[in-house]
Structures are given as structure tokens and as C-alpha cells.
Amino acid sequence: MARWLARRVVRPGMAPGRPLAGRRRRVEFAARLLPLPRGIRCVPAGAENPGGEWLLPAGLDPGDARGAVLYIHGGAFMLGSPASHRGVAARLARLTGLPVLAAHYRLAPEHPYPAGFDDLRAAWRRITLEGARPVGLAGDSAGGWLALAVALHAAGAGLPRPAGMALFSPLVDLAGAAAIPPAVVDLLLPAGLVAEGIDAFRGDIPASDPRFDLLATPLAGLPPLLVAYDDGEMLAGQARRLVQRAVEAGVQVRVEERRGLWHAWPLFAGLLPAADATLRNAAAMLAPAGTLRGDM
């Protein structure tokens, strides 16, 4: 079911050349086919991230002092929403035992860089309660780029740093990703989508601008980090470069390199046992040990 959904529903719906509004609707439709875990409430975020969603385990509120998790959705900077990634955020809430904010940010091409990044920087400052509680940080694909950018910004600006991070098939270098040959086949990502999204996101700024290569920034201040990717997917090279640079910088890194899956497979948790296993490992990286739960 998960493979069919990725290949036959999600991938065709994201293909370049179709109207963007229709592609966005297709992503939202596909997300509704993913099962949600029981016992998790979904409530709108407030001033901390207008348009975002809180996924809350029973009895918790967004301000829980034990901690929280910020999840940043992917979608080539142009697609996706908190609702499209509600499934993965809800499962992380259940596994960590913490409130998870599925973040809203402005999408390209209507809002090129730095609009979405600015939204997420503001959300990070607000949900960390100015350092009063630990907050984990996670994201997939383009959301992985944004999550890593937020973490590096926090380290450089003296803001609270993430308690832990989990990145699923992350994009890390826009110029490098834009140069991936169209012939590279990915079960989930259609040819041309990554390059199209990068062009939309960067606007009039060259992809070679150093702000877009996150590996040009020192990584030594990053927290413990999980990086998950499939060895044959389109962004595997990006993930490997991140792992190498993080290890060289002395960051504690857990690597999940899978074979025979596809880009951002953890989003298919509830339908795919490998996704369930990866989310359990991600939860252990994101949450204090005292809050973790083992069930999905």
C-alpha cells in the first residue's frame, strides 16, 4: 500500500508542468490516505506560528514545560502544509510524549526566500519559550534544509539550540541539488521537481549564494542528529555529505541508510514498518528519555 501510494498517487500529483494549485491539492488528498494514531489531538497554533498545528498527546497542552518538537514539512518549498504532514507529526507526538508543532511557513513561488525561513525563525524563538524548555527539531526533504537552517541560525544568533534533530532525506545544498541530472530516477520525486522548487524558493538570488549551502557553515554547534535516507534516492548524495561534515565537526550522528525504499519514506508510517522503526529512532533523538513512549 505504501509503495503504491508513493508511486501512483503522490509522485504523479507533484509532477512539474501541471498547475501548482492542483498539485497542492493532490498532496493534501494523498495525505488523507495515511492513517493517524489514536489519542492525539490536533489544535490550531496561536501567535507562536499562525497557520500551524499542534499535535498533542492526551492531557498535554502546547506549553508543556518538559519540552516540545518543531516539525517542518517538505514539498520542494512549494507544496505541503501542516495538514499534509499531520500523520508524521502526530506519530512523533505519540512516540515522544511531547507536543509537536507542525509548522506553517509561506511557500514559494508566491513568497521566495527568506519569507518561509523568517516564519520558522520566529516560530523557533516563540516555542522554545526563550530557552525555558528543550525543543527538538525535525523535517523532511526541503523541510530538512529549513530545519538545519533554523538550527544553524539559532547557534549563530545565541538562541536556544535544539535538544536533538531528525532529518529525513534532507536537502542541504541548493546549487548541488539543482544540478542533479533529470535522468536520476526516484520512486517518489518526479524528474525536475527539485530544480523547479529551488528556482522558486531562491527567487532572484543565485543558487550558488553561500546562504543556500548549509554545509558552508560550521556544524560544530549542532545537537545529536539522526539522518535517514535511501541509498538510491535522488538526494542520497546530499544526505551523505551532511553526515560526513557533521561527523568531522564532532556532532553525534545516527545514520539510517536504507535500500529499496524511497525519498522521505518515514512519512508513510502506519503503512510501512520501516517508517515506523525510523520514527521510533527519531523520537529517541528528539525527546528527553523520561517522556518517550514505545507505541505508535
C-alpha atoms as a PDB file:
ATOM      1  CA  MET A   1       0.000   0.000   0.000  1.00  0.00           C
ATOM      2  CA  ALA A   2       2.750   2.485   0.922  1.00  0.00           C
ATOM      3  CA  ARG A   3       4.707   1.846  -2.282  1.00  0.00           C
ATOM      4  CA  TRP A   4       1.557   2.128  -4.395  1.00  0.00           C
ATOM      5  CA  LEU A   5       0.615   5.385  -2.692  1.00  0.00           C
ATOM      6  CA  ALA A   6       4.074   6.864  -3.238  1.00  0.00           C
ATOM      7  CA  ARG A   7       4.375   5.782  -6.881  1.00  0.00           C
ATOM      8  CA  ARG A   8       0.807   6.073  -8.143  1.00  0.00           C
ATOM      9  CA  VAL A   9      -0.700   8.925  -6.137  1.00  0.00           C
ATOM     10  CA  VAL A  10       1.950  11.217  -4.663  1.00  0.00           C
ATOM     11  CA  ARG A  11       4.580  11.162  -7.409  1.00  0.00           C
ATOM     12  CA  PRO A  12       2.270  11.882 -10.376  1.00  0.00           C
ATOM     13  CA  GLY A  13       0.497  14.562  -8.398  1.00  0.00           C
ATOM     14  CA  MET A  14       3.725  16.530  -7.859  1.00  0.00           C
ATOM     15  CA  ALA A  15       4.983  16.377 -11.449  1.00  0.00           C
ATOM     16  CA  PRO A  16       6.164  19.681 -12.960  1.00  0.00           C
ATOM     17  CA  GLY A  17       4.088  21.029 -15.815  1.00  0.00           C
ATOM     18  CA  ARG A  18       0.776  20.751 -14.003  1.00  0.00           C
ATOM     19  CA  PRO A  19      -0.882  23.826 -12.428  1.00  0.00           C
ATOM     20  CA  LEU A  20       0.593  24.448  -8.988  1.00  0.00           C
ATOM     21  CA  ALA A  21      -2.800  24.783  -7.288  1.00  0.00           C
ATOM     22  CA  GLY A  22      -3.796  21.319  -8.496  1.00  0.00           C
ATOM     23  CA  ARG A  23      -0.519  19.808  -7.356  1.00  0.00           C
ATOM     24  CA  ARG A  24      -1.017  21.290  -3.911  1.00  0.00           C
ATOM     25  CA  ARG A  25      -4.499  19.804  -3.709  1.00  0.00           C
ATOM     26  CA  ARG A  26      -3.165  16.395  -4.781  1.00  0.00           C
ATOM     27  CA  VAL A  27      -0.587  16.398  -1.976  1.00  0.00           C
ATOM     28  CA  GLU A  28      -3.280  17.245   0.579  1.00  0.00           C
ATOM     29  CA  PHE A  29      -5.533  14.495  -0.807  1.00  0.00           C
ATOM     30  CA  ALA A  30      -2.771  11.887  -0.641  1.00  0.00           C
ATOM     31  CA  ALA A  31      -2.062  12.788   2.979  1.00  0.00           C
ATOM     32  CA  ARG A  32      -5.636  11.937   3.929  1.00  0.00           C
ATOM     33  CA  LEU A  33      -4.966   8.329   2.889  1.00  0.00           C
ATOM     34  CA  LEU A  34      -2.361   7.932   5.648  1.00  0.00           C
ATOM     35  CA  PRO A  35      -3.640   6.563   8.972  1.00  0.00           C
ATOM     36  CA  LEU A  36      -3.455   8.762  12.062  1.00  0.00           C
ATOM     37  CA  PRO A  37      -2.562   7.397  15.502  1.00  0.00           C
ATOM     38  CA  ARG A  38      -5.171   7.305  18.237  1.00  0.00           C
ATOM     39  CA  GLY A  39      -5.158   9.553  21.240  1.00  0.00           C
ATOM     40  CA  ILE A  40      -3.601  12.643  19.607  1.00  0.00           C
ATOM     41  CA  ARG A  41      -5.482  15.948  19.496  1.00  0.00           C
ATOM     42  CA  CYS A  42      -4.923  18.433  16.693  1.00  0.00           C
ATOM     43  CA  VAL A  43      -5.425  22.084  17.634  1.00  0.00           C
ATOM     44  CA  PRO A  44      -4.576  25.268  15.728  1.00  0.00           C
ATOM     45  CA  ALA A  45      -1.382  27.036  16.752  1.00  0.00           C
ATOM     46  CA  GLY A  46      -1.691  30.567  18.079  1.00  0.00           C
ATOM     47  CA  ALA A  47       0.633  33.525  17.846  1.00  0.00           C
ATOM     48  CA  GLU A  48       3.657  31.228  18.091  1.00  0.00           C
ATOM     49  CA  ASN A  49       3.028  30.083  14.479  1.00  0.00           C
ATOM     50  CA  PRO A  50      -0.199  31.273  12.846  1.00  0.00           C
ATOM     51  CA  GLY A  51      -1.453  28.596  10.476  1.00  0.00           C
ATOM     52  CA  GLY A  52       0.474  25.829  12.212  1.00  0.00           C
ATOM     53  CA  GLU A  53      -0.978  22.862  14.086  1.00  0.00           C
ATOM     54  CA  TRP A  54      -0.224  21.402  17.484  1.00  0.00           C
ATOM     55  CA  LEU A  55      -0.408  17.618  17.779  1.00  0.00           C
ATOM     56  CA  LEU A  56      -0.990  16.897  21.449  1.00  0.00           C
ATOM     57  CA  PRO A  57      -0.821  13.660  23.447  1.00  0.00           C
ATOM     58  CA  ALA A  58      -3.651  13.194  25.911  1.00  0.00           C
ATOM     59  CA  GLY A  59      -3.512  15.580  28.839  1.00  0.00           C
ATOM     60  CA  LEU A  60      -0.861  17.900  27.384  1.00  0.00           C
ATOM     61  CA  ASP A  61      -1.036  21.475  26.199  1.00  0.00           C
ATOM     62  CA  PRO A  62       1.341  23.331  23.837  1.00  0.00           C
ATOM     63  CA  GLY A  63       3.224  24.973  26.697  1.00  0.00           C
ATOM     64  CA  ASP A  64       4.251  21.740  28.413  1.00  0.00           C
ATOM     65  CA  ALA A  65       7.381  22.536  30.398  1.00  0.00           C
ATOM     66  CA  ARG A  66       9.045  19.186  29.697  1.00  0.00           C
ATOM     67  CA  GLY A  67       9.622  20.108  26.065  1.00  0.00           C
ATOM     68  CA  ALA A  68       8.226  20.086  22.543  1.00  0.00           C
ATOM     69  CA  VAL A  69       9.152  19.268  18.952  1.00  0.00           C
ATOM     70  CA  LEU A  70       9.036  21.533  15.904  1.00  0.00           C
ATOM     71  CA  TYR A  71       8.352  19.639  12.652  1.00  0.00           C
ATOM     72  CA  ILE A  72       8.972  21.361   9.294  1.00  0.00           C
ATOM     73  CA  HIS A  73       7.276  19.799   6.280  1.00  0.00           C
ATOM     74  CA  GLY A  74       8.893  19.281   2.904  1.00  0.00           C
ATOM     75  CA  GLY A  75       7.449  19.714  -0.573  1.00  0.00           C
ATOM     76  CA  ALA A  76      10.150  21.345  -2.701  1.00  0.00           C
ATOM     77  CA  PHE A  77       9.477  24.688  -0.942  1.00  0.00           C
ATOM     78  CA  MET A  78       6.244  24.945  -2.984  1.00  0.00           C
ATOM     79  CA  LEU A  79       3.967  22.144  -1.763  1.00  0.00           C
ATOM     80  CA  GLY A  80       2.734  20.754   1.531  1.00  0.00           C
ATOM     81  CA  SER A  81       1.315  22.142   4.736  1.00  0.00           C
ATOM     82  CA  PRO A  82       0.880  21.201   8.378  1.00  0.00           C
ATOM     83  CA  ALA A  83      -2.178  19.185   7.317  1.00  0.00           C
ATOM     84  CA  SER A  84      -0.272  17.227   4.659  1.00  0.00           C
ATOM     85  CA  HIS A  85       2.284  16.158   7.272  1.00  0.00           C
ATOM     86  CA  ARG A  86      -0.145  15.721  10.137  1.00  0.00           C
ATOM     87  CA  GLY A  87       0.442  11.961  10.144  1.00  0.00           C
ATOM     88  CA  VAL A  88       4.181  12.056  10.787  1.00  0.00           C
ATOM     89  CA  ALA A  89       3.825  14.903  13.302  1.00  0.00           C
ATOM     90  CA  ALA A  90       1.080  13.049  15.188  1.00  0.00           C
ATOM     91  CA  ARG A  91       3.163   9.867  15.354  1.00  0.00           C
ATOM     92  CA  LEU A  92       6.137  11.788  16.693  1.00  0.00           C
ATOM     93  CA  ALA A  93       3.850  13.313  19.330  1.00  0.00           C
ATOM     94  CA  ARG A  94       2.692   9.846  20.366  1.00  0.00           C
ATOM     95  CA  LEU A  95       6.213   8.413  20.426  1.00  0.00           C
ATOM     96  CA  THR A  96       7.905  11.316  22.208  1.00  0.00           C
ATOM     97  CA  GLY A  97       5.073  12.030  24.612  1.00  0.00           C
ATOM     98  CA  LEU A  98       5.520  15.721  23.777  1.00  0.00           C
ATOM     99  CA  PRO A  99       3.559  18.425  21.969  1.00  0.00           C
ATOM    100  CA  VAL A 100       4.616  18.621  18.314  1.00  0.00           C
ATOM    101  CA  LEU A 101       4.146  21.797  16.313  1.00  0.00           C
ATOM    102  CA  ALA A 102       3.647  21.063  12.602  1.00  0.00           C
ATOM    103  CA  ALA A 103       4.878  24.411  11.376  1.00  0.00           C
ATOM    104  CA  HIS A 104       3.286  26.671   8.806  1.00  0.00           C
ATOM    105  CA  TYR A 105       5.546  28.744   6.601  1.00  0.00           C
ATOM    106  CA  ARG A 106       4.980  30.784   3.466  1.00  0.00           C
ATOM    107  CA  LEU A 107       5.582  28.859   0.255  1.00  0.00           C
ATOM    108  CA  ALA A 108       7.356  29.723  -2.983  1.00  0.00           C
ATOM    109  CA  PRO A 109       6.932  30.976  -5.643  1.00  0.00           C
ATOM    110  CA  GLU A 110       4.499  33.443  -4.098  1.00  0.00           C
ATOM    111  CA  HIS A 111       6.890  34.024  -1.203  1.00  0.00           C
ATOM    112  CA  PRO A 112      10.555  33.402  -2.130  1.00  0.00           C
ATOM    113  CA  TYR A 113      13.472  33.299   0.301  1.00  0.00           C
ATOM    114  CA  PRO A 114      13.707  34.471   3.044  1.00  0.00           C
ATOM    115  CA  ALA A 115       9.955  34.605   3.728  1.00  0.00           C
ATOM    116  CA  GLY A 116       9.422  30.992   4.820  1.00  0.00           C
ATOM    117  CA  PHE A 117      12.711  30.903   6.707  1.00  0.00           C
ATOM    118  CA  ASP A 118      11.733  34.077   8.567  1.00  0.00           C
ATOM    119  CA  ASP A 119       8.435  32.467   9.604  1.00  0.00           C
ATOM    120  CA  LEU A 120      10.285  29.478  11.035  1.00  0.00           C
ATOM    121  CA  ARG A 121      12.921  31.536  12.831  1.00  0.00           C
ATOM    122  CA  ALA A 122      10.109  33.397  14.562  1.00  0.00           C
ATOM    123  CA  ALA A 123       8.337  30.159  15.454  1.00  0.00           C
ATOM    124  CA  TRP A 124      11.534  28.718  16.906  1.00  0.00           C
ATOM    125  CA  ARG A 125      12.070  31.704  19.180  1.00  0.00           C
ATOM    126  CA  ARG A 126       8.492  31.502  20.441  1.00  0.00           C
ATOM    127  CA  ILE A 127       8.081  27.781  21.065  1.00  0.00           C
ATOM    128  CA  THR A 128      11.383  27.418  22.903  1.00  0.00           C
ATOM    129  CA  LEU A 129       9.953  29.905  25.429  1.00  0.00           C
ATOM    130  CA  GLU A 130      13.255  31.772  25.204  1.00  0.00           C
ATOM    131  CA  GLY A 131      15.148  28.704  26.410  1.00  0.00           C
ATOM    132  CA  ALA A 132      12.800  27.709  29.224  1.00  0.00           C
ATOM    133  CA  ARG A 133      12.270  24.190  27.815  1.00  0.00           C
ATOM    134  CA  PRO A 134      14.066  21.805  25.439  1.00  0.00           C
ATOM    135  CA  VAL A 135      12.690  21.595  21.901  1.00  0.00           C
ATOM    136  CA  GLY A 136      13.590  19.000  19.274  1.00  0.00           C
ATOM    137  CA  LEU A 137      13.691  19.918  15.594  1.00  0.00           C
ATOM    138  CA  ALA A 138      12.807  17.713  12.619  1.00  0.00           C
ATOM    139  CA  GLY A 139      11.995  17.968   8.935  1.00  0.00           C
ATOM    140  CA  ASP A 140      11.905  16.118   5.640  1.00  0.00           C
ATOM    141  CA  SER A 141      13.345  16.977   2.223  1.00  0.00           C
ATOM    142  CA  ALA A 142      13.150  20.770   1.722  1.00  0.00           C
ATOM    143  CA  GLY A 143      11.883  20.895   5.294  1.00  0.00           C
ATOM    144  CA  GLY A 144      15.182  19.290   6.251  1.00  0.00           C
ATOM    145  CA  TRP A 145      17.002  22.234   4.665  1.00  0.00           C
ATOM    146  CA  LEU A 146      14.801  24.641   6.598  1.00  0.00           C
ATOM    147  CA  ALA A 147      15.239  22.738   9.880  1.00  0.00           C
ATOM    148  CA  LEU A 148      19.008  22.702   9.509  1.00  0.00           C
ATOM    149  CA  ALA A 149      18.965  26.400   8.577  1.00  0.00           C
ATOM    150  CA  VAL A 150      16.957  27.194  11.726  1.00  0.00           C
ATOM    151  CA  ALA A 151      19.383  25.193  13.893  1.00  0.00           C
ATOM    152  CA  LEU A 152      22.430  26.930  12.428  1.00  0.00           C
ATOM    153  CA  HIS A 153      20.775  30.321  12.785  1.00  0.00           C
ATOM    154  CA  ALA A 154      19.974  29.602  16.438  1.00  0.00           C
ATOM    155  CA  ALA A 155      23.582  28.622  17.120  1.00  0.00           C
ATOM    156  CA  GLY A 156      24.918  31.756  15.457  1.00  0.00           C
ATOM    157  CA  ALA A 157      22.396  34.147  16.976  1.00  0.00           C
ATOM    158  CA  GLY A 158      22.660  32.974  20.569  1.00  0.00           C
ATOM    159  CA  LEU A 159      19.143  31.497  20.582  1.00  0.00           C
ATOM    160  CA  PRO A 160      18.230  28.238  22.316  1.00  0.00           C
ATOM    161  CA  ARG A 161      19.631  25.301  20.372  1.00  0.00           C
ATOM    162  CA  PRO A 162      17.627  22.173  19.528  1.00  0.00           C
ATOM    163  CA  ALA A 163      17.671  19.382  22.070  1.00  0.00           C
ATOM    164  CA  GLY A 164      18.055  16.916  19.198  1.00  0.00           C
ATOM    165  CA  MET A 165      17.370  16.735  15.465  1.00  0.00           C
ATOM    166  CA  ALA A 166      15.945  14.249  12.954  1.00  0.00           C
ATOM    167  CA  LEU A 167      16.205  14.881   9.210  1.00  0.00           C
ATOM    168  CA  PHE A 168      14.547  12.629   6.649  1.00  0.00           C
ATOM    169  CA  SER A 169      16.097  12.732   3.136  1.00  0.00           C
ATOM    170  CA  PRO A 170      17.318  16.291   3.704  1.00  0.00           C
ATOM    171  CA  LEU A 171      18.267  18.826   1.099  1.00  0.00           C
ATOM    172  CA  VAL A 172      21.380  20.704   2.247  1.00  0.00           C
ATOM    173  CA  ASP A 173      22.962  22.468  -0.735  1.00  0.00           C
ATOM    174  CA  LEU A 174      20.631  24.140  -3.228  1.00  0.00           C
ATOM    175  CA  ALA A 175      23.178  24.575  -6.011  1.00  0.00           C
ATOM    176  CA  GLY A 176      24.269  20.961  -5.739  1.00  0.00           C
ATOM    177  CA  ALA A 177      20.706  19.643  -5.693  1.00  0.00           C
ATOM    178  CA  ALA A 178      19.661  21.798  -8.639  1.00  0.00           C
ATOM    179  CA  ALA A 179      22.442  20.175 -10.683  1.00  0.00           C
ATOM    180  CA  ILE A 180      21.210  16.594 -10.165  1.00  0.00           C
ATOM    181  CA  PRO A 181      20.671  15.167 -13.683  1.00  0.00           C
ATOM    182  CA  PRO A 182      16.992  14.767 -14.667  1.00  0.00           C
ATOM    183  CA  ALA A 183      17.755  11.148 -15.563  1.00  0.00           C
ATOM    184  CA  VAL A 184      18.172  10.238 -11.871  1.00  0.00           C
ATOM    185  CA  VAL A 185      15.078   8.177 -11.036  1.00  0.00           C
ATOM    186  CA  ASP A 186      13.315   8.381  -7.669  1.00  0.00           C
ATOM    187  CA  LEU A 187      10.170   6.433  -6.774  1.00  0.00           C
ATOM    188  CA  LEU A 188       8.628   9.449  -5.012  1.00  0.00           C
ATOM    189  CA  LEU A 189      10.227  12.559  -6.540  1.00  0.00           C
ATOM    190  CA  PRO A 190       9.319  13.265 -10.183  1.00  0.00           C
ATOM    191  CA  ALA A 191      12.060  14.482 -12.509  1.00  0.00           C
ATOM    192  CA  GLY A 192      12.519  18.238 -12.412  1.00  0.00           C
ATOM    193  CA  LEU A 193      10.635  18.876  -9.155  1.00  0.00           C
ATOM    194  CA  VAL A 194      13.712  19.579  -7.023  1.00  0.00           C
ATOM    195  CA  ALA A 195      15.191  22.030  -9.533  1.00  0.00           C
ATOM    196  CA  GLU A 196      11.810  23.724 -10.015  1.00  0.00           C
ATOM    197  CA  GLY A 197      11.347  24.145  -6.271  1.00  0.00           C
ATOM    198  CA  ILE A 198      14.836  25.543  -5.771  1.00  0.00           C
ATOM    199  CA  ASP A 199      14.326  28.085  -8.546  1.00  0.00           C
ATOM    200  CA  ALA A 200      11.035  29.168  -6.994  1.00  0.00           C
ATOM    201  CA  PHE A 201      12.498  29.372  -3.489  1.00  0.00           C
ATOM    202  CA  ARG A 202      15.610  31.355  -4.344  1.00  0.00           C
ATOM    203  CA  GLY A 203      13.780  33.970  -6.425  1.00  0.00           C
ATOM    204  CA  ASP A 204      16.315  36.391  -7.892  1.00  0.00           C
ATOM    205  CA  ILE A 205      19.165  35.124  -5.690  1.00  0.00           C
ATOM    206  CA  PRO A 206      21.643  32.778  -7.434  1.00  0.00           C
ATOM    207  CA  ALA A 207      21.537  29.186  -6.212  1.00  0.00           C
ATOM    208  CA  SER A 208      25.282  29.489  -5.672  1.00  0.00           C
ATOM    209  CA  ASP A 209      24.751  32.122  -2.958  1.00  0.00           C
ATOM    210  CA  PRO A 210      26.600  30.815   0.136  1.00  0.00           C
ATOM    211  CA  ARG A 211      23.454  31.193   2.251  1.00  0.00           C
ATOM    212  CA  PHE A 212      21.973  28.260   0.342  1.00  0.00           C
ATOM    213  CA  ASP A 213      24.828  25.835   1.026  1.00  0.00           C
ATOM    214  CA  LEU A 214      24.321  24.932   4.664  1.00  0.00           C
ATOM    215  CA  LEU A 215      27.492  22.858   4.693  1.00  0.00           C
ATOM    216  CA  ALA A 216      29.480  26.058   4.223  1.00  0.00           C
ATOM    217  CA  THR A 217      28.502  26.942   7.815  1.00  0.00           C
ATOM    218  CA  PRO A 218      30.366  25.324  10.749  1.00  0.00           C
ATOM    219  CA  LEU A 219      28.297  22.436  12.112  1.00  0.00           C
ATOM    220  CA  ALA A 220      30.059  22.002  15.452  1.00  0.00           C
ATOM    221  CA  GLY A 221      27.175  23.526  17.419  1.00  0.00           C
ATOM    222  CA  LEU A 222      24.581  21.031  16.252  1.00  0.00           C
ATOM    223  CA  PRO A 223      22.886  18.706  18.755  1.00  0.00           C
ATOM    224  CA  PRO A 224      22.667  14.913  18.388  1.00  0.00           C
ATOM    225  CA  LEU A 225      21.375  14.263  14.885  1.00  0.00           C
ATOM    226  CA  LEU A 226      19.574  11.446  13.063  1.00  0.00           C
ATOM    227  CA  VAL A 227      19.831  11.439   9.264  1.00  0.00           C
ATOM    228  CA  ALA A 228      17.668   8.952   7.353  1.00  0.00           C
ATOM    229  CA  TYR A 229      17.732   8.395   3.593  1.00  0.00           C
ATOM    230  CA  ASP A 230      17.520   5.674   0.963  1.00  0.00           C
ATOM    231  CA  ASP A 231      20.793   4.817  -0.747  1.00  0.00           C
ATOM    232  CA  GLY A 232      19.268   5.096  -4.233  1.00  0.00           C
ATOM    233  CA  GLU A 233      17.124   8.187  -3.837  1.00  0.00           C
ATOM    234  CA  MET A 234      17.670  11.485  -5.602  1.00  0.00           C
ATOM    235  CA  LEU A 235      19.034  13.303  -2.533  1.00  0.00           C
ATOM    236  CA  ALA A 236      21.191  10.476  -1.149  1.00  0.00           C
ATOM    237  CA  GLY A 237      24.371  12.363  -2.037  1.00  0.00           C
ATOM    238  CA  GLN A 238      23.173  15.418  -0.141  1.00  0.00           C
ATOM    239  CA  ALA A 239      22.468  13.352   2.968  1.00  0.00           C
ATOM    240  CA  ARG A 240      25.857  11.627   2.810  1.00  0.00           C
ATOM    241  CA  ARG A 241      27.653  14.978   2.583  1.00  0.00           C
ATOM    242  CA  LEU A 242      25.777  16.214   5.650  1.00  0.00           C
ATOM    243  CA  VAL A 243      26.675  13.084   7.613  1.00  0.00           C
ATOM    244  CA  GLN A 244      30.346  13.383   6.652  1.00  0.00           C
ATOM    245  CA  ARG A 245      30.576  17.044   7.564  1.00  0.00           C
ATOM    246  CA  ALA A 246      28.703  16.585  10.834  1.00  0.00           C
ATOM    247  CA  VAL A 247      30.941  13.691  11.915  1.00  0.00           C
ATOM    248  CA  GLU A 248      34.036  15.742  11.041  1.00  0.00           C
ATOM    249  CA  ALA A 249      32.645  18.546  13.213  1.00  0.00           C
ATOM    250  CA  GLY A 250      32.263  16.215  16.192  1.00  0.00           C
ATOM    251  CA  VAL A 251      28.455  16.021  16.082  1.00  0.00           C
ATOM    252  CA  GLN A 252      26.846  12.855  17.438  1.00  0.00           C
ATOM    253  CA  VAL A 253      25.187  11.359  14.334  1.00  0.00           C
ATOM    254  CA  ARG A 254      22.955   8.340  13.866  1.00  0.00           C
ATOM    255  CA  VAL A 255      22.678   7.301  10.217  1.00  0.00           C
ATOM    256  CA  GLU A 256      19.820   5.275   8.750  1.00  0.00           C
ATOM    257  CA  GLU A 257      20.743   4.429   5.176  1.00  0.00           C
ATOM    258  CA  ARG A 258      18.099   2.109   3.745  1.00  0.00           C
ATOM    259  CA  ARG A 259      17.918   0.253   0.452  1.00  0.00           C
ATOM    260  CA  GLY A 260      14.885  -0.423  -1.711  1.00  0.00           C
ATOM    261  CA  LEU A 261      12.704   2.333  -0.257  1.00  0.00           C
ATOM    262  CA  TRP A 262      12.324   5.900  -1.495  1.00  0.00           C
ATOM    263  CA  HIS A 263      12.698   9.582  -0.673  1.00  0.00           C
ATOM    264  CA  ALA A 264      11.268  10.592   2.745  1.00  0.00           C
ATOM    265  CA  TRP A 265       9.795   7.154   3.456  1.00  0.00           C
ATOM    266  CA  PRO A 266       9.218   7.915   7.181  1.00  0.00           C
ATOM    267  CA  LEU A 267       6.180   9.961   6.097  1.00  0.00           C
ATOM    268  CA  PHE A 268       4.459   6.638   5.346  1.00  0.00           C
ATOM    269  CA  ALA A 269       4.452   5.478   8.976  1.00  0.00           C
ATOM    270  CA  GLY A 270       1.391   3.411   9.783  1.00  0.00           C
ATOM    271  CA  LEU A 271       1.596   1.725   6.374  1.00  0.00           C
ATOM    272  CA  LEU A 272       5.302   0.847   6.236  1.00  0.00           C
ATOM    273  CA  PRO A 273       7.130  -0.990   9.058  1.00  0.00           C
ATOM    274  CA  ALA A 274      10.469   0.584   8.072  1.00  0.00           C
ATOM    275  CA  ALA A 275       8.910   4.023   8.528  1.00  0.00           C
ATOM    276  CA  ASP A 276       7.591   3.057  11.959  1.00  0.00           C
ATOM    277  CA  ALA A 277      11.065   1.897  13.005  1.00  0.00           C
ATOM    278  CA  THR A 278      12.738   5.081  11.793  1.00  0.00           C
ATOM    279  CA  LEU A 279      10.251   7.278  13.646  1.00  0.00           C
ATOM    280  CA  ARG A 280      10.946   5.382  16.874  1.00  0.00           C
ATOM    281  CA  ASN A 281      14.641   6.118  16.456  1.00  0.00           C
ATOM    282  CA  ALA A 282      13.893   9.740  15.592  1.00  0.00           C
ATOM    283  CA  ALA A 283      11.764  10.110  18.720  1.00  0.00           C
ATOM    284  CA  ALA A 284      14.652   8.875  20.856  1.00  0.00           C
ATOM    285  CA  MET A 285      16.817  11.607  19.363  1.00  0.00           C
ATOM    286  CA  LEU A 286      14.228  14.366  19.745  1.00  0.00           C
ATOM    287  CA  ALA A 287      12.853  13.858  23.246  1.00  0.00           C
ATOM    288  CA  PRO A 288      14.150  13.612  26.814  1.00  0.00           C
ATOM    289  CA  ALA A 289      14.287   9.972  27.872  1.00  0.00           C
ATOM    290  CA  GLY A 290      11.664  10.474  30.575  1.00  0.00           C
ATOM    291  CA  THR A 291       8.908  11.356  28.093  1.00  0.00           C
ATOM    292  CA  LEU A 292       9.400   8.604  25.494  1.00  0.00           C
ATOM    293  CA  ARG A 293       6.671   6.100  24.711  1.00  0.00           C
ATOM    294  CA  GLY A 294       7.203   2.945  22.692  1.00  0.00           C
ATOM    295  CA  ASP A 295       3.849   2.632  20.919  1.00  0.00           C
ATOM    296  CA  MET A 296       2.759   4.158  17.616  1.00  0.00           C
END
